Amino acid sequence: MGVIEGKLAKMGLALPPVHPFPSPNRIPCVQVGNVLFLAGHSTARHPLALGAKNAGKVGSEVTEQEAYLAARAVALQMLATVKLHTGDLDRVKRVIRLLGMVNSAPGFERQFAVIDGASDLFYELWGPERGAHARAAVGVAELPRRSVLEIIGEFELHERELAGKARGVPRKKRAAGKPARGARPRKR
């Protein structure tokens, strides 16, 4: 168990199972360089951790506090996806950005407080230097399957050292006077 999973355990939290995406044309995350882009993770289609509600509009069917718990549960889903992709949550260097979409009843204007459920968890796990992130929280009229909310995330990963190609590993030296492999001989 890594450091981050140890912190989750001390908080009484565990990663939920990762649910497969329903179509082969969509995947839960894509890594480009050191950045892991997570697809939207929502409250729909499966029971949530923390006993959080998974359907309804915030401000009429779901309270702000219930939605906060749902955001925290979705953050756990996101972490389960990160772990499945990287093998270890300790590979996360920092949380970069979140976009939270809240299924909001007319007049509900505290989407920021709802998405704090996810932001607070990441801050608690990685601290102010690595857990604080850029974020947007918006209210939407509808979400698929009446989800309470959906969150998209971006995480920077520590570079994985590759055997023999890692930075700082000295290259094999060639004997003095011998041309490099594949080099053209110099004309004199």
C-alpha atoms as a PDB file:
ATOM      1  CA  MET A   1       0.000   0.000   0.000  1.00  0.00           C
ATOM      2  CA  GLY A   2       1.376   3.385  -1.016  1.00  0.00           C
ATOM      3  CA  VAL A   3       1.377   6.663   0.897  1.00  0.00           C
ATOM      4  CA  ILE A   4      -1.840   8.002  -0.673  1.00  0.00           C
ATOM      5  CA  GLU A   5      -3.757   4.756  -0.165  1.00  0.00           C
ATOM      6  CA  GLY A   6      -2.489   4.718   3.423  1.00  0.00           C
ATOM      7  CA  LYS A   7      -3.969   8.189   3.926  1.00  0.00           C
ATOM      8  CA  LEU A   8      -7.277   7.002   2.457  1.00  0.00           C
ATOM      9  CA  ALA A   9      -7.298   4.043   4.857  1.00  0.00           C
ATOM     10  CA  LYS A  10      -6.645   6.336   7.848  1.00  0.00           C
ATOM     11  CA  MET A  11      -9.620   8.425   6.701  1.00  0.00           C
ATOM     12  CA  GLY A  12     -11.764   5.279   6.618  1.00  0.00           C
ATOM     13  CA  LEU A  13     -12.066   5.441   2.821  1.00  0.00           C
ATOM     14  CA  ALA A  14     -11.422   2.805   0.171  1.00  0.00           C
ATOM     15  CA  LEU A  15     -11.286   2.873  -3.605  1.00  0.00           C
ATOM     16  CA  PRO A  16     -14.445   1.538  -5.259  1.00  0.00           C
ATOM     17  CA  PRO A  17     -14.297  -0.958  -8.117  1.00  0.00           C
ATOM     18  CA  VAL A  18     -13.668   0.596 -11.521  1.00  0.00           C
ATOM     19  CA  HIS A  19     -16.722   0.280 -13.730  1.00  0.00           C
ATOM     20  CA  PRO A  20     -16.134  -0.382 -17.427  1.00  0.00           C
ATOM     21  CA  PHE A  21     -17.235   2.195 -19.957  1.00  0.00           C
ATOM     22  CA  PRO A  22     -20.255   0.989 -21.977  1.00  0.00           C
ATOM     23  CA  SER A  23     -18.753   1.572 -25.423  1.00  0.00           C
ATOM     24  CA  PRO A  24     -15.356   0.801 -26.973  1.00  0.00           C
ATOM     25  CA  ASN A  25     -15.126   4.300 -28.449  1.00  0.00           C
ATOM     26  CA  ARG A  26     -14.773   5.866 -24.984  1.00  0.00           C
ATOM     27  CA  ILE A  27     -12.185   5.096 -22.343  1.00  0.00           C
ATOM     28  CA  PRO A  28     -11.888   6.308 -18.736  1.00  0.00           C
ATOM     29  CA  CYS A  29      -8.577   8.119 -19.249  1.00  0.00           C
ATOM     30  CA  VAL A  30      -5.892   9.064 -21.740  1.00  0.00           C
ATOM     31  CA  GLN A  31      -2.273   9.772 -20.896  1.00  0.00           C
ATOM     32  CA  VAL A  32      -0.356  12.324 -22.961  1.00  0.00           C
ATOM     33  CA  GLY A  33       3.213  12.704 -21.764  1.00  0.00           C
ATOM     34  CA  ASN A  34       3.067  13.141 -17.996  1.00  0.00           C
ATOM     35  CA  VAL A  35      -0.570  14.288 -17.926  1.00  0.00           C
ATOM     36  CA  LEU A  36      -3.459  11.918 -17.303  1.00  0.00           C
ATOM     37  CA  PHE A  37      -6.790  13.225 -18.621  1.00  0.00           C
ATOM     38  CA  LEU A  38      -9.808  11.598 -16.971  1.00  0.00           C
ATOM     39  CA  ALA A  39     -13.142  11.294 -18.724  1.00  0.00           C
ATOM     40  CA  GLY A  40     -16.219  12.452 -16.876  1.00  0.00           C
ATOM     41  CA  HIS A  41     -16.893  10.363 -13.774  1.00  0.00           C
ATOM     42  CA  SER A  42     -20.456  10.632 -12.546  1.00  0.00           C
ATOM     43  CA  THR A  43     -22.866   9.384  -9.941  1.00  0.00           C
ATOM     44  CA  ALA A  44     -24.957   7.329 -12.388  1.00  0.00           C
ATOM     45  CA  ARG A  45     -25.074   3.581 -13.056  1.00  0.00           C
ATOM     46  CA  HIS A  46     -23.733   2.202  -9.782  1.00  0.00           C
ATOM     47  CA  PRO A  47     -24.000   2.607  -6.013  1.00  0.00           C
ATOM     48  CA  LEU A  48     -21.720   5.253  -4.532  1.00  0.00           C
ATOM     49  CA  ALA A  49     -19.355   5.115  -1.598  1.00  0.00           C
ATOM     50  CA  LEU A  50     -20.298   7.053   1.533  1.00  0.00           C
ATOM     51  CA  GLY A  51     -23.992   6.278   0.975  1.00  0.00           C
ATOM     52  CA  ALA A  52     -24.215   9.236  -1.408  1.00  0.00           C
ATOM     53  CA  LYS A  53     -27.245   9.745  -3.635  1.00  0.00           C
ATOM     54  CA  ASN A  54     -26.619   9.009  -7.279  1.00  0.00           C
ATOM     55  CA  ALA A  55     -29.607  10.679  -8.968  1.00  0.00           C
ATOM     56  CA  GLY A  56     -31.549  13.915  -8.764  1.00  0.00           C
ATOM     57  CA  LYS A  57     -31.295  17.674  -8.971  1.00  0.00           C
ATOM     58  CA  VAL A  58     -29.325  19.547  -6.353  1.00  0.00           C
ATOM     59  CA  GLY A  59     -31.480  22.158  -4.688  1.00  0.00           C
ATOM     60  CA  SER A  60     -34.737  20.205  -4.979  1.00  0.00           C
ATOM     61  CA  GLU A  61     -34.252  16.408  -4.745  1.00  0.00           C
ATOM     62  CA  VAL A  62     -30.699  16.391  -3.351  1.00  0.00           C
ATOM     63  CA  THR A  63     -29.384  18.678  -0.616  1.00  0.00           C
ATOM     64  CA  GLU A  64     -26.116  20.561  -0.918  1.00  0.00           C
ATOM     65  CA  GLN A  65     -24.544  18.334   1.765  1.00  0.00           C
ATOM     66  CA  GLU A  66     -25.716  15.145   0.004  1.00  0.00           C
ATOM     67  CA  ALA A  67     -24.242  16.457  -3.252  1.00  0.00           C
ATOM     68  CA  TYR A  68     -20.963  17.292  -1.457  1.00  0.00           C
ATOM     69  CA  LEU A  69     -20.765  13.614  -0.381  1.00  0.00           C
ATOM     70  CA  ALA A  70     -21.547  12.555  -3.958  1.00  0.00           C
ATOM     71  CA  ALA A  71     -18.630  14.681  -5.215  1.00  0.00           C
ATOM     72  CA  ARG A  72     -16.349  13.057  -2.648  1.00  0.00           C
ATOM     73  CA  ALA A  73     -17.537   9.614  -3.787  1.00  0.00           C
ATOM     74  CA  VAL A  74     -16.918  10.541  -7.433  1.00  0.00           C
ATOM     75  CA  ALA A  75     -13.400  11.691  -6.476  1.00  0.00           C
ATOM     76  CA  LEU A  76     -12.825   8.175  -5.098  1.00  0.00           C
ATOM     77  CA  GLN A  77     -14.009   6.742  -8.438  1.00  0.00           C
ATOM     78  CA  MET A  78     -11.539   9.022 -10.209  1.00  0.00           C
ATOM     79  CA  LEU A  79      -8.728   7.806  -7.966  1.00  0.00           C
ATOM     80  CA  ALA A  80      -9.681   4.188  -8.709  1.00  0.00           C
ATOM     81  CA  THR A  81      -9.308   4.956 -12.421  1.00  0.00           C
ATOM     82  CA  VAL A  82      -5.942   6.641 -11.824  1.00  0.00           C
ATOM     83  CA  LYS A  83      -4.729   3.616  -9.864  1.00  0.00           C
ATOM     84  CA  LEU A  84      -5.922   1.191 -12.533  1.00  0.00           C
ATOM     85  CA  HIS A  85      -4.017   3.173 -15.178  1.00  0.00           C
ATOM     86  CA  THR A  86      -0.813   3.895 -13.236  1.00  0.00           C
ATOM     87  CA  GLY A  87      -0.695   0.982 -10.794  1.00  0.00           C
ATOM     88  CA  ASP A  88      -0.004   3.314  -7.856  1.00  0.00           C
ATOM     89  CA  LEU A  89      -1.593   6.566  -6.657  1.00  0.00           C
ATOM     90  CA  ASP A  90       1.856   7.688  -5.526  1.00  0.00           C
ATOM     91  CA  ARG A  91       2.638   8.243  -9.227  1.00  0.00           C
ATOM     92  CA  VAL A  92       0.444  11.372  -9.067  1.00  0.00           C
ATOM     93  CA  LYS A  93       2.714  14.400  -8.891  1.00  0.00           C
ATOM     94  CA  ARG A  94      -0.122  16.905  -8.589  1.00  0.00           C
ATOM     95  CA  VAL A  95      -3.786  17.521  -9.293  1.00  0.00           C
ATOM     96  CA  ILE A  96      -3.923  19.997 -12.182  1.00  0.00           C
ATOM     97  CA  ARG A  97      -7.568  20.814 -12.837  1.00  0.00           C
ATOM     98  CA  LEU A  98     -11.160  19.715 -12.237  1.00  0.00           C
ATOM     99  CA  LEU A  99     -14.338  20.586 -14.104  1.00  0.00           C
ATOM    100  CA  GLY A 100     -17.429  19.818 -12.058  1.00  0.00           C
ATOM    101  CA  MET A 101     -20.917  19.841 -13.578  1.00  0.00           C
ATOM    102  CA  VAL A 102     -23.794  19.831 -11.114  1.00  0.00           C
ATOM    103  CA  ASN A 103     -27.344  18.802 -12.070  1.00  0.00           C
ATOM    104  CA  SER A 104     -28.962  21.919 -10.611  1.00  0.00           C
ATOM    105  CA  ALA A 105     -32.548  22.858  -9.853  1.00  0.00           C
ATOM    106  CA  PRO A 106     -33.544  26.359 -10.990  1.00  0.00           C
ATOM    107  CA  GLY A 107     -32.166  28.911  -8.552  1.00  0.00           C
ATOM    108  CA  PHE A 108     -29.427  26.683  -7.090  1.00  0.00           C
ATOM    109  CA  GLU A 109     -26.198  28.706  -7.225  1.00  0.00           C
ATOM    110  CA  ARG A 110     -23.771  26.891  -4.904  1.00  0.00           C
ATOM    111  CA  GLN A 111     -22.168  24.490  -7.367  1.00  0.00           C
ATOM    112  CA  PHE A 112     -18.759  25.525  -6.010  1.00  0.00           C
ATOM    113  CA  ALA A 113     -19.706  24.188  -2.560  1.00  0.00           C
ATOM    114  CA  VAL A 114     -20.811  20.858  -4.057  1.00  0.00           C
ATOM    115  CA  ILE A 115     -17.603  20.264  -6.042  1.00  0.00           C
ATOM    116  CA  ASP A 116     -15.628  21.111  -2.899  1.00  0.00           C
ATOM    117  CA  GLY A 117     -16.382  17.482  -1.964  1.00  0.00           C
ATOM    118  CA  ALA A 118     -13.846  16.365  -4.584  1.00  0.00           C
ATOM    119  CA  SER A 119     -11.456  19.297  -4.171  1.00  0.00           C
ATOM    120  CA  ASP A 120     -11.295  18.857  -0.398  1.00  0.00           C
ATOM    121  CA  LEU A 121     -10.419  15.167  -0.738  1.00  0.00           C
ATOM    122  CA  PHE A 122      -7.583  15.827  -3.193  1.00  0.00           C
ATOM    123  CA  TYR A 123      -6.281  18.650  -0.974  1.00  0.00           C
ATOM    124  CA  GLU A 124      -6.379  16.375   2.090  1.00  0.00           C
ATOM    125  CA  LEU A 125      -4.483  13.632   0.246  1.00  0.00           C
ATOM    126  CA  TRP A 126      -1.804  15.662  -1.542  1.00  0.00           C
ATOM    127  CA  GLY A 127      -1.616  18.842   0.550  1.00  0.00           C
ATOM    128  CA  PRO A 128      -1.411  22.484  -0.551  1.00  0.00           C
ATOM    129  CA  GLU A 129       1.550  22.104  -2.924  1.00  0.00           C
ATOM    130  CA  ARG A 130       0.222  19.160  -4.932  1.00  0.00           C
ATOM    131  CA  GLY A 131      -3.473  18.954  -4.080  1.00  0.00           C
ATOM    132  CA  ALA A 132      -4.554  22.549  -4.744  1.00  0.00           C
ATOM    133  CA  HIS A 133      -5.772  22.797  -8.335  1.00  0.00           C
ATOM    134  CA  ALA A 134      -7.483  24.969 -10.921  1.00  0.00           C
ATOM    135  CA  ARG A 135     -11.207  24.310 -11.054  1.00  0.00           C
ATOM    136  CA  ALA A 136     -14.516  25.250 -12.581  1.00  0.00           C
ATOM    137  CA  ALA A 137     -17.895  24.288 -11.120  1.00  0.00           C
ATOM    138  CA  VAL A 138     -20.972  24.885 -13.241  1.00  0.00           C
ATOM    139  CA  GLY A 139     -24.665  24.189 -12.974  1.00  0.00           C
ATOM    140  CA  VAL A 140     -26.358  22.289 -15.784  1.00  0.00           C
ATOM    141  CA  ALA A 141     -30.025  21.629 -16.514  1.00  0.00           C
ATOM    142  CA  GLU A 142     -29.590  17.876 -17.045  1.00  0.00           C
ATOM    143  CA  LEU A 143     -26.960  15.145 -16.850  1.00  0.00           C
ATOM    144  CA  PRO A 144     -27.143  11.622 -18.312  1.00  0.00           C
ATOM    145  CA  ARG A 145     -29.213   9.175 -16.253  1.00  0.00           C
ATOM    146  CA  ARG A 146     -30.175  11.995 -13.864  1.00  0.00           C
ATOM    147  CA  SER A 147     -26.680  11.976 -12.321  1.00  0.00           C
ATOM    148  CA  VAL A 148     -26.252  14.374  -9.418  1.00  0.00           C
ATOM    149  CA  LEU A 149     -22.922  15.512 -10.854  1.00  0.00           C
ATOM    150  CA  GLU A 150     -20.069  14.686 -13.182  1.00  0.00           C
ATOM    151  CA  ILE A 151     -16.388  15.587 -12.774  1.00  0.00           C
ATOM    152  CA  ILE A 152     -13.565  15.670 -15.326  1.00  0.00           C
ATOM    153  CA  GLY A 153      -9.982  15.754 -14.043  1.00  0.00           C
ATOM    154  CA  GLU A 154      -6.373  16.214 -15.073  1.00  0.00           C
ATOM    155  CA  PHE A 155      -3.441  14.842 -13.079  1.00  0.00           C
ATOM    156  CA  GLU A 156       0.298  15.292 -13.589  1.00  0.00           C
ATOM    157  CA  LEU A 157       2.251  12.073 -13.110  1.00  0.00           C
ATOM    158  CA  HIS A 158       5.821  11.526 -11.980  1.00  0.00           C
ATOM    159  CA  GLU A 159       7.927  10.340 -14.894  1.00  0.00           C
ATOM    160  CA  ARG A 160       8.386   6.611 -14.937  1.00  0.00           C
ATOM    161  CA  GLU A 161      12.008   5.587 -15.171  1.00  0.00           C
ATOM    162  CA  LEU A 162      12.660   3.279 -18.115  1.00  0.00           C
ATOM    163  CA  ALA A 163      15.429   0.722 -17.744  1.00  0.00           C
ATOM    164  CA  GLY A 164      18.510   1.841 -19.652  1.00  0.00           C
ATOM    165  CA  LYS A 165      16.838   5.003 -20.921  1.00  0.00           C
ATOM    166  CA  ALA A 166      16.313   6.874 -17.695  1.00  0.00           C
ATOM    167  CA  ARG A 167      17.650  10.375 -17.336  1.00  0.00           C
ATOM    168  CA  GLY A 168      21.011  10.461 -15.652  1.00  0.00           C
ATOM    169  CA  VAL A 169      22.036   6.983 -16.783  1.00  0.00           C
ATOM    170  CA  PRO A 170      25.418   7.357 -18.508  1.00  0.00           C
ATOM    171  CA  ARG A 171      25.598   6.185 -22.089  1.00  0.00           C
ATOM    172  CA  LYS A 172      28.180   3.628 -23.060  1.00  0.00           C
ATOM    173  CA  LYS A 173      31.403   5.414 -23.956  1.00  0.00           C
ATOM    174  CA  ARG A 174      33.116   4.618 -27.220  1.00  0.00           C
ATOM    175  CA  ALA A 175      36.827   4.133 -27.537  1.00  0.00           C
ATOM    176  CA  ALA A 176      38.823   7.246 -28.393  1.00  0.00           C
ATOM    177  CA  GLY A 177      39.291   7.745 -32.108  1.00  0.00           C
ATOM    178  CA  LYS A 178      36.471   5.389 -33.128  1.00  0.00           C
ATOM    179  CA  PRO A 179      33.601   6.972 -35.053  1.00  0.00           C
ATOM    180  CA  ALA A 180      30.126   6.710 -33.621  1.00  0.00           C
ATOM    181  CA  ARG A 181      28.078   3.842 -34.940  1.00  0.00           C
ATOM    182  CA  GLY A 182      26.534   4.785 -38.272  1.00  0.00           C
ATOM    183  CA  ALA A 183      28.656   7.950 -38.587  1.00  0.00           C
ATOM    184  CA  ARG A 184      30.148   8.828 -41.962  1.00  0.00           C
ATOM    185  CA  PRO A 185      33.924   8.968 -42.099  1.00  0.00           C
ATOM    186  CA  ARG A 186      35.360  12.491 -42.314  1.00  0.00           C
ATOM    187  CA  LYS A 187      37.018  13.634 -45.497  1.00  0.00           C
ATOM    188  CA  ARG A 188      40.489  15.019 -44.982  1.00  0.00           C
END
